[in-house]
Amino acid sequence: APYVEWLGQKENPEGYGWATGERYGYDIVEM
């Protein structure tokens, strides 16, 4: 997950990630 948006498993191309919540990484980027 080199990008913050990919920290969310639902948005990660390979299904990896920090958390399962939808748009998890996108929320962080907005912050």
PDB file of all heavy atoms in Angstrom:
ATOM      1  N   ALA A   1       0.847  -1.199   0.000  1.00  0.00           N
ATOM      2  CA  ALA A   1       0.000   0.000   0.000  1.00  0.00           C
ATOM      3  C   ALA A   1       0.884   1.252   0.000  1.00  0.00           C
ATOM      4  O   ALA A   1       0.991   1.950   1.002  1.00  0.00           O
ATOM      5  CB  ALA A   1      -0.932   0.010   1.211  1.00  0.00           C
ATOM      6  N   PRO A   2       1.504   1.554  -1.135  1.00  0.00           N
ATOM      7  CA  PRO A   2       2.376   2.737  -1.198  1.00  0.00           C
ATOM      8  C   PRO A   2       1.614   4.060  -1.125  1.00  0.00           C
ATOM      9  O   PRO A   2       2.189   5.098  -0.808  1.00  0.00           O
ATOM     10  CB  PRO A   2       3.079   2.579  -2.551  1.00  0.00           C
ATOM     11  CG  PRO A   2       2.130   1.763  -3.368  1.00  0.00           C
ATOM     12  CD  PRO A   2       1.493   0.819  -2.407  1.00  0.00           C
ATOM     13  N   TYR A   3       0.325   4.004  -1.440  1.00  0.00           N
ATOM     14  CA  TYR A   3      -0.514   5.203  -1.392  1.00  0.00           C
ATOM     15  C   TYR A   3      -1.483   5.125  -0.207  1.00  0.00           C
ATOM     16  O   TYR A   3      -1.964   4.042   0.144  1.00  0.00           O
ATOM     17  CB  TYR A   3      -1.306   5.365  -2.687  1.00  0.00           C
ATOM     18  CG  TYR A   3      -0.433   5.324  -3.925  1.00  0.00           C
ATOM     19  CD1 TYR A   3      -0.585   4.310  -4.868  1.00  0.00           C
ATOM     20  CD2 TYR A   3       0.551   6.288  -4.135  1.00  0.00           C
ATOM     21  CE1 TYR A   3       0.220   4.260  -6.000  1.00  0.00           C
ATOM     22  CE2 TYR A   3       1.366   6.246  -5.262  1.00  0.00           C
ATOM     23  CZ  TYR A   3       1.206   5.223  -6.185  1.00  0.00           C
ATOM     24  OH  TYR A   3       2.017   5.174  -7.295  1.00  0.00           O
ATOM     25  N   VAL A   4      -1.783   6.273   0.351  1.00  0.00           N
ATOM     26  CA  VAL A   4      -2.677   6.321   1.515  1.00  0.00           C
ATOM     27  C   VAL A   4      -4.036   5.726   1.169  1.00  0.00           C
ATOM     28  O   VAL A   4      -4.634   4.996   1.970  1.00  0.00           O
ATOM     29  CB  VAL A   4      -2.845   7.780   2.007  1.00  0.00           C
ATOM     30  CG1 VAL A   4      -3.815   7.833   3.190  1.00  0.00           C
ATOM     31  CG2 VAL A   4      -1.498   8.382   2.392  1.00  0.00           C
ATOM     32  N   GLU A   5      -4.520   6.012  -0.034  1.00  0.00           N
ATOM     33  CA  GLU A   5      -5.837   5.509  -0.453  1.00  0.00           C
ATOM     34  C   GLU A   5      -5.889   3.982  -0.447  1.00  0.00           C
ATOM     35  O   GLU A   5      -6.951   3.398  -0.266  1.00  0.00           O
ATOM     36  CB  GLU A   5      -6.179   6.038  -1.854  1.00  0.00           C
ATOM     37  CG  GLU A   5      -6.432   7.527  -1.919  1.00  0.00           C
ATOM     38  CD  GLU A   5      -5.165   8.334  -2.152  1.00  0.00           C
ATOM     39  OE1 GLU A   5      -4.045   7.782  -1.972  1.00  0.00           O
ATOM     40  OE2 GLU A   5      -5.288   9.518  -2.507  1.00  0.00           O
ATOM     41  N   TRP A   6      -4.740   3.341  -0.626  1.00  0.00           N
ATOM     42  CA  TRP A   6      -4.690   1.884  -0.674  1.00  0.00           C
ATOM     43  C   TRP A   6      -4.614   1.240   0.712  1.00  0.00           C
ATOM     44  O   TRP A   6      -4.609   0.011   0.825  1.00  0.00           O
ATOM     45  CB  TRP A   6      -3.472   1.430  -1.489  1.00  0.00           C
ATOM     46  CG  TRP A   6      -3.605   1.703  -2.958  1.00  0.00           C
ATOM     47  CD1 TRP A   6      -4.532   2.494  -3.579  1.00  0.00           C
ATOM     48  CD2 TRP A   6      -2.765   1.190  -3.992  1.00  0.00           C
ATOM     49  NE1 TRP A   6      -4.333   2.521  -4.926  1.00  0.00           N
ATOM     50  CE2 TRP A   6      -3.244   1.720  -5.225  1.00  0.00           C
ATOM     51  CE3 TRP A   6      -1.659   0.346  -4.023  1.00  0.00           C
ATOM     52  CZ2 TRP A   6      -2.652   1.428  -6.448  1.00  0.00           C
ATOM     53  CZ3 TRP A   6      -1.067   0.054  -5.252  1.00  0.00           C
ATOM     54  CH2 TRP A   6      -1.554   0.587  -6.447  1.00  0.00           C
ATOM     55  N   LEU A   7      -4.600   2.062   1.750  1.00  0.00           N
ATOM     56  CA  LEU A   7      -4.601   1.505   3.113  1.00  0.00           C
ATOM     57  C   LEU A   7      -5.943   0.857   3.437  1.00  0.00           C
ATOM     58  O   LEU A   7      -6.051   0.029   4.344  1.00  0.00           O
ATOM     59  CB  LEU A   7      -4.282   2.599   4.145  1.00  0.00           C
ATOM     60  CG  LEU A   7      -2.835   3.116   4.138  1.00  0.00           C
ATOM     61  CD1 LEU A   7      -2.695   4.308   5.077  1.00  0.00           C
ATOM     62  CD2 LEU A   7      -1.867   2.001   4.550  1.00  0.00           C
ATOM     63  N   GLY A   8      -6.967   1.232   2.695  1.00  0.00           N
ATOM     64  CA  GLY A   8      -8.271   0.585   2.850  1.00  0.00           C
ATOM     65  C   GLY A   8      -8.320  -0.656   1.977  1.00  0.00           C
ATOM     66  O   GLY A   8      -8.067  -0.579   0.758  1.00  0.00           O
ATOM     67  N   GLN A   9      -8.647  -1.790   2.542  1.00  0.00           N
ATOM     68  CA  GLN A   9      -8.634  -3.051   1.783  1.00  0.00           C
ATOM     69  C   GLN A   9      -9.593  -3.034   0.600  1.00  0.00           C
ATOM     70  O   GLN A   9      -9.326  -3.629  -0.445  1.00  0.00           O
ATOM     71  CB  GLN A   9      -8.970  -4.209   2.719  1.00  0.00           C
ATOM     72  CG  GLN A   9      -7.896  -4.485   3.765  1.00  0.00           C
ATOM     73  CD  GLN A   9      -8.266  -5.622   4.693  1.00  0.00           C
ATOM     74  OE1 GLN A   9      -9.241  -6.345   4.461  1.00  0.00           O
ATOM     75  NE2 GLN A   9      -7.491  -5.795   5.758  1.00  0.00           N
ATOM     76  N   LYS A  10     -10.698  -2.339   0.762  1.00  0.00           N
ATOM     77  CA  LYS A  10     -11.692  -2.311  -0.326  1.00  0.00           C
ATOM     78  C   LYS A  10     -11.193  -1.526  -1.539  1.00  0.00           C
ATOM     79  O   LYS A  10     -11.670  -1.741  -2.657  1.00  0.00           O
ATOM     80  CB  LYS A  10     -13.004  -1.709   0.187  1.00  0.00           C
ATOM     81  CG  LYS A  10     -13.768  -2.628   1.127  1.00  0.00           C
ATOM     82  CD  LYS A  10     -15.128  -2.035   1.455  1.00  0.00           C
ATOM     83  CE  LYS A  10     -16.001  -3.030   2.208  1.00  0.00           C
ATOM     84  NZ  LYS A  10     -15.588  -3.262   3.575  1.00  0.00           N
ATOM     85  N   GLU A  11     -10.255  -0.620  -1.311  1.00  0.00           N
ATOM     86  CA  GLU A  11      -9.721   0.188  -2.413  1.00  0.00           C
ATOM     87  C   GLU A  11      -8.342  -0.292  -2.878  1.00  0.00           C
ATOM     88  O   GLU A  11      -7.812   0.208  -3.875  1.00  0.00           O
ATOM     89  CB  GLU A  11      -9.629   1.665  -1.995  1.00  0.00           C
ATOM     90  CG  GLU A  11     -10.964   2.366  -1.810  1.00  0.00           C
ATOM     91  CD  GLU A  11     -11.666   1.986  -0.502  1.00  0.00           C
ATOM     92  OE1 GLU A  11     -10.960   1.831   0.523  1.00  0.00           O
ATOM     93  OE2 GLU A  11     -12.901   1.850  -0.516  1.00  0.00           O
ATOM     94  N   ASN A  12      -7.761  -1.242  -2.175  1.00  0.00           N
ATOM     95  CA  ASN A  12      -6.441  -1.746  -2.529  1.00  0.00           C
ATOM     96  C   ASN A  12      -6.554  -2.743  -3.692  1.00  0.00           C
ATOM     97  O   ASN A  12      -7.362  -3.684  -3.622  1.00  0.00           O
ATOM     98  CB  ASN A  12      -5.799  -2.428  -1.318  1.00  0.00           C
ATOM     99  CG  ASN A  12      -4.340  -2.791  -1.548  1.00  0.00           C
ATOM    100  OD1 ASN A  12      -4.026  -3.658  -2.350  1.00  0.00           O
ATOM    101  ND2 ASN A  12      -3.464  -2.138  -0.817  1.00  0.00           N
ATOM    102  N   PRO A  13      -5.790  -2.563  -4.783  1.00  0.00           N
ATOM    103  CA  PRO A  13      -5.894  -3.449  -5.955  1.00  0.00           C
ATOM    104  C   PRO A  13      -5.682  -4.933  -5.640  1.00  0.00           C
ATOM    105  O   PRO A  13      -6.263  -5.796  -6.295  1.00  0.00           O
ATOM    106  CB  PRO A  13      -4.771  -2.928  -6.879  1.00  0.00           C
ATOM    107  CG  PRO A  13      -4.559  -1.516  -6.466  1.00  0.00           C
ATOM    108  CD  PRO A  13      -4.801  -1.492  -4.996  1.00  0.00           C
ATOM    109  N   GLU A  14      -4.855  -5.214  -4.629  1.00  0.00           N
ATOM    110  CA  GLU A  14      -4.566  -6.606  -4.266  1.00  0.00           C
ATOM    111  C   GLU A  14      -5.357  -7.072  -3.045  1.00  0.00           C
ATOM    112  O   GLU A  14      -5.161  -8.196  -2.567  1.00  0.00           O
ATOM    113  CB  GLU A  14      -3.059  -6.774  -4.019  1.00  0.00           C
ATOM    114  CG  GLU A  14      -2.182  -6.380  -5.199  1.00  0.00           C
ATOM    115  CD  GLU A  14      -2.437  -7.247  -6.417  1.00  0.00           C
ATOM    116  OE1 GLU A  14      -2.772  -8.456  -6.232  1.00  0.00           O
ATOM    117  OE2 GLU A  14      -2.319  -6.754  -7.553  1.00  0.00           O
ATOM    118  N   GLY A  15      -6.197  -6.201  -2.510  1.00  0.00           N
ATOM    119  CA  GLY A  15      -6.996  -6.581  -1.345  1.00  0.00           C
ATOM    120  C   GLY A  15      -6.254  -6.519  -0.018  1.00  0.00           C
ATOM    121  O   GLY A  15      -6.763  -6.975   1.006  1.00  0.00           O
ATOM    122  N   TYR A  16      -5.056  -5.962  -0.048  1.00  0.00           N
ATOM    123  CA  TYR A  16      -4.333  -5.767   1.209  1.00  0.00           C
ATOM    124  C   TYR A  16      -4.821  -4.482   1.860  1.00  0.00           C
ATOM    125  O   TYR A  16      -5.732  -3.826   1.369  1.00  0.00           O
ATOM    126  CB  TYR A  16      -2.826  -5.687   0.939  1.00  0.00           C
ATOM    127  CG  TYR A  16      -2.228  -6.969   0.376  1.00  0.00           C
ATOM    128  CD1 TYR A  16      -1.788  -7.024  -0.951  1.00  0.00           C
ATOM    129  CD2 TYR A  16      -2.107  -8.106   1.163  1.00  0.00           C
ATOM    130  CE1 TYR A  16      -1.242  -8.192  -1.472  1.00  0.00           C
ATOM    131  CE2 TYR A  16      -1.556  -9.279   0.653  1.00  0.00           C
ATOM    132  CZ  TYR A  16      -1.133  -9.310  -0.664  1.00  0.00           C
ATOM    133  OH  TYR A  16      -0.587 -10.461  -1.182  1.00  0.00           O
ATOM    134  N   GLY A  17      -4.189  -4.099   2.949  1.00  0.00           N
ATOM    135  CA  GLY A  17      -4.549  -2.816   3.547  1.00  0.00           C
ATOM    136  C   GLY A  17      -4.631  -2.856   5.057  1.00  0.00           C
ATOM    137  O   GLY A  17      -4.623  -3.921   5.688  1.00  0.00           O
ATOM    138  N   TRP A  18      -4.713  -1.674   5.611  1.00  0.00           N
ATOM    139  CA  TRP A  18      -4.712  -1.493   7.063  1.00  0.00           C
ATOM    140  C   TRP A  18      -6.073  -1.826   7.673  1.00  0.00           C
ATOM    141  O   TRP A  18      -6.158  -2.433   8.736  1.00  0.00           O
ATOM    142  CB  TRP A  18      -4.347  -0.036   7.382  1.00  0.00           C
ATOM    143  CG  TRP A  18      -4.049   0.251   8.819  1.00  0.00           C
ATOM    144  CD1 TRP A  18      -4.920   0.195   9.876  1.00  0.00           C
ATOM    145  CD2 TRP A  18      -2.784   0.639   9.362  1.00  0.00           C
ATOM    146  NE1 TRP A  18      -4.288   0.540  11.047  1.00  0.00           N
ATOM    147  CE2 TRP A  18      -2.966   0.814  10.756  1.00  0.00           C
ATOM    148  CE3 TRP A  18      -1.531   0.880   8.827  1.00  0.00           C
ATOM    149  CZ2 TRP A  18      -1.938   1.238  11.613  1.00  0.00           C
ATOM    150  CZ3 TRP A  18      -0.505   1.293   9.664  1.00  0.00           C
ATOM    151  CH2 TRP A  18      -0.708   1.455  11.045  1.00  0.00           C
ATOM    152  N   ALA A  19      -7.129  -1.383   7.012  1.00  0.00           N
ATOM    153  CA  ALA A  19      -8.474  -1.517   7.604  1.00  0.00           C
ATOM    154  C   ALA A  19      -9.491  -1.933   6.537  1.00  0.00           C
ATOM    155  O   ALA A  19      -9.273  -1.738   5.338  1.00  0.00           O
ATOM    156  CB  ALA A  19      -8.888  -0.203   8.245  1.00  0.00           C
ATOM    157  N   THR A  20     -10.591  -2.494   7.002  1.00  0.00           N
ATOM    158  CA  THR A  20     -11.623  -2.998   6.079  1.00  0.00           C
ATOM    159  C   THR A  20     -12.696  -1.959   5.775  1.00  0.00           C
ATOM    160  O   THR A  20     -13.508  -2.168   4.875  1.00  0.00           O
ATOM    161  CB  THR A  20     -12.312  -4.239   6.681  1.00  0.00           C
ATOM    162  OG1 THR A  20     -12.904  -3.884   7.946  1.00  0.00           O
ATOM    163  CG2 THR A  20     -11.295  -5.362   6.880  1.00  0.00           C
ATOM    164  N   GLY A  21     -12.692  -0.852   6.535  1.00  0.00           N
ATOM    165  CA  GLY A  21     -13.730   0.151   6.334  1.00  0.00           C
ATOM    166  C   GLY A  21     -13.674   0.764   4.942  1.00  0.00           C
ATOM    167  O   GLY A  21     -12.597   1.022   4.399  1.00  0.00           O
ATOM    168  N   GLU A  22     -14.836   1.009   4.370  1.00  0.00           N
ATOM    169  CA  GLU A  22     -14.907   1.595   3.034  1.00  0.00           C
ATOM    170  C   GLU A  22     -14.325   3.002   3.031  1.00  0.00           C
ATOM    171  O   GLU A  22     -14.571   3.798   3.928  1.00  0.00           O
ATOM    172  CB  GLU A  22     -16.370   1.627   2.566  1.00  0.00           C
ATOM    173  CG  GLU A  22     -16.523   1.990   1.110  1.00  0.00           C
ATOM    174  CD  GLU A  22     -17.952   1.822   0.625  1.00  0.00           C
ATOM    175  OE1 GLU A  22     -18.780   1.301   1.397  1.00  0.00           O
ATOM    176  OE2 GLU A  22     -18.235   2.210  -0.527  1.00  0.00           O
ATOM    177  N   ARG A  23     -13.518   3.296   2.009  1.00  0.00           N
ATOM    178  CA  ARG A  23     -12.886   4.597   1.818  1.00  0.00           C
ATOM    179  C   ARG A  23     -12.000   5.008   3.018  1.00  0.00           C
ATOM    180  O   ARG A  23     -11.829   6.191   3.281  1.00  0.00           O
ATOM    181  CB  ARG A  23     -13.939   5.673   1.537  1.00  0.00           C
ATOM    182  CG  ARG A  23     -14.670   5.480   0.207  1.00  0.00           C
ATOM    183  CD  ARG A  23     -15.583   6.657  -0.086  1.00  0.00           C
ATOM    184  NE  ARG A  23     -14.863   7.926  -0.144  1.00  0.00           N
ATOM    185  CZ  ARG A  23     -14.164   8.361  -1.197  1.00  0.00           C
ATOM    186  NH1 ARG A  23     -14.085   7.614  -2.295  1.00  0.00           N
ATOM    187  NH2 ARG A  23     -13.550   9.519  -1.161  1.00  0.00           N
ATOM    188  N   TYR A  24     -11.457   4.028   3.684  1.00  0.00           N
ATOM    189  CA  TYR A  24     -10.606   4.303   4.852  1.00  0.00           C
ATOM    190  C   TYR A  24      -9.454   5.259   4.508  1.00  0.00           C
ATOM    191  O   TYR A  24      -9.276   6.296   5.149  1.00  0.00           O
ATOM    192  CB  TYR A  24     -10.049   2.987   5.391  1.00  0.00           C
ATOM    193  CG  TYR A  24      -9.070   3.144   6.550  1.00  0.00           C
ATOM    194  CD1 TYR A  24      -9.522   3.299   7.853  1.00  0.00           C
ATOM    195  CD2 TYR A  24      -7.693   3.131   6.322  1.00  0.00           C
ATOM    196  CE1 TYR A  24      -8.628   3.440   8.912  1.00  0.00           C
ATOM    197  CE2 TYR A  24      -6.793   3.270   7.373  1.00  0.00           C
ATOM    198  CZ  TYR A  24      -7.266   3.425   8.662  1.00  0.00           C
ATOM    199  OH  TYR A  24      -6.375   3.573   9.713  1.00  0.00           O
ATOM    200  N   GLY A  25      -8.702   4.921   3.485  1.00  0.00           N
ATOM    201  CA  GLY A  25      -7.570   5.768   3.101  1.00  0.00           C
ATOM    202  C   GLY A  25      -8.005   7.097   2.524  1.00  0.00           C
ATOM    203  O   GLY A  25      -7.354   8.130   2.752  1.00  0.00           O
ATOM    204  N   TYR A  26      -9.100   7.089   1.780  1.00  0.00           N
ATOM    205  CA  TYR A  26      -9.600   8.340   1.191  1.00  0.00           C
ATOM    206  C   TYR A  26     -10.014   9.333   2.274  1.00  0.00           C
ATOM    207  O   TYR A  26      -9.835  10.548   2.118  1.00  0.00           O
ATOM    208  CB  TYR A  26     -10.778   8.044   0.258  1.00  0.00           C
ATOM    209  CG  TYR A  26     -10.350   7.516  -1.097  1.00  0.00           C
ATOM    210  CD1 TYR A  26     -10.115   6.155  -1.281  1.00  0.00           C
ATOM    211  CD2 TYR A  26     -10.171   8.372  -2.179  1.00  0.00           C
ATOM    212  CE1 TYR A  26      -9.712   5.652  -2.521  1.00  0.00           C
ATOM    213  CE2 TYR A  26      -9.764   7.878  -3.425  1.00  0.00           C
ATOM    214  CZ  TYR A  26      -9.534   6.525  -3.581  1.00  0.00           C
ATOM    215  OH  TYR A  26      -9.124   6.046  -4.816  1.00  0.00           O
ATOM    216  N   ASP A  27     -10.575   8.816   3.341  1.00  0.00           N
ATOM    217  CA  ASP A  27     -10.946   9.695   4.461  1.00  0.00           C
ATOM    218  C   ASP A  27      -9.705  10.378   5.049  1.00  0.00           C
ATOM    219  O   ASP A  27      -9.736  11.566   5.393  1.00  0.00           O
ATOM    220  CB  ASP A  27     -11.643   8.895   5.567  1.00  0.00           C
ATOM    221  CG  ASP A  27     -13.050   8.460   5.184  1.00  0.00           C
ATOM    222  OD1 ASP A  27     -13.576   8.980   4.179  1.00  0.00           O
ATOM    223  OD2 ASP A  27     -13.608   7.584   5.880  1.00  0.00           O
ATOM    224  N   ILE A  28      -8.618   9.626   5.150  1.00  0.00           N
ATOM    225  CA  ILE A  28      -7.377  10.184   5.690  1.00  0.00           C
ATOM    226  C   ILE A  28      -6.834  11.269   4.768  1.00  0.00           C
ATOM    227  O   ILE A  28      -6.381  12.333   5.229  1.00  0.00           O
ATOM    228  CB  ILE A  28      -6.324   9.071   5.901  1.00  0.00           C
ATOM    229  CG1 ILE A  28      -6.799   8.112   6.999  1.00  0.00           C
ATOM    230  CG2 ILE A  28      -4.964   9.663   6.268  1.00  0.00           C
ATOM    231  CD1 ILE A  28      -5.918   6.886   7.189  1.00  0.00           C
ATOM    232  N   VAL A  29      -6.899  11.035   3.461  1.00  0.00           N
ATOM    233  CA  VAL A  29      -6.423  12.031   2.499  1.00  0.00           C
ATOM    234  C   VAL A  29      -7.256  13.306   2.593  1.00  0.00           C
ATOM    235  O   VAL A  29      -6.722  14.430   2.508  1.00  0.00           O
ATOM    236  CB  VAL A  29      -6.446  11.466   1.066  1.00  0.00           C
ATOM    237  CG1 VAL A  29      -6.149  12.565   0.040  1.00  0.00           C
ATOM    238  CG2 VAL A  29      -5.430  10.342   0.938  1.00  0.00           C
ATOM    239  N   GLU A  30      -8.546  13.166   2.765  1.00  0.00           N
ATOM    240  CA  GLU A  30      -9.400  14.350   2.919  1.00  0.00           C
ATOM    241  C   GLU A  30      -9.007  15.140   4.169  1.00  0.00           C
ATOM    242  O   GLU A  30      -9.015  16.380   4.166  1.00  0.00           O
ATOM    243  CB  GLU A  30     -10.874  13.926   3.004  1.00  0.00           C
ATOM    244  CG  GLU A  30     -11.440  13.452   1.664  1.00  0.00           C
ATOM    245  CD  GLU A  30     -12.886  13.014   1.774  1.00  0.00           C
ATOM    246  OE1 GLU A  30     -13.479  13.154   2.877  1.00  0.00           O
ATOM    247  OE2 GLU A  30     -13.444  12.519   0.776  1.00  0.00           O
ATOM    248  N   MET A  31      -8.665  14.429   5.219  1.00  0.00           N
ATOM    249  CA  MET A  31      -8.205  15.102   6.440  1.00  0.00           C
ATOM    250  C   MET A  31      -6.892  15.844   6.193  1.00  0.00           C
ATOM    251  O   MET A  31      -6.682  16.960   6.704  1.00  0.00           O
ATOM    252  CB  MET A  31      -8.023  14.068   7.570  1.00  0.00           C
ATOM    253  CG  MET A  31      -9.319  13.412   8.017  1.00  0.00           C
ATOM    254  SD  MET A  31      -9.054  12.058   9.177  1.00  0.00           S
ATOM    255  CE  MET A  31      -8.658  12.973  10.679  1.00  0.00           C
TER     256      MET A  31
END
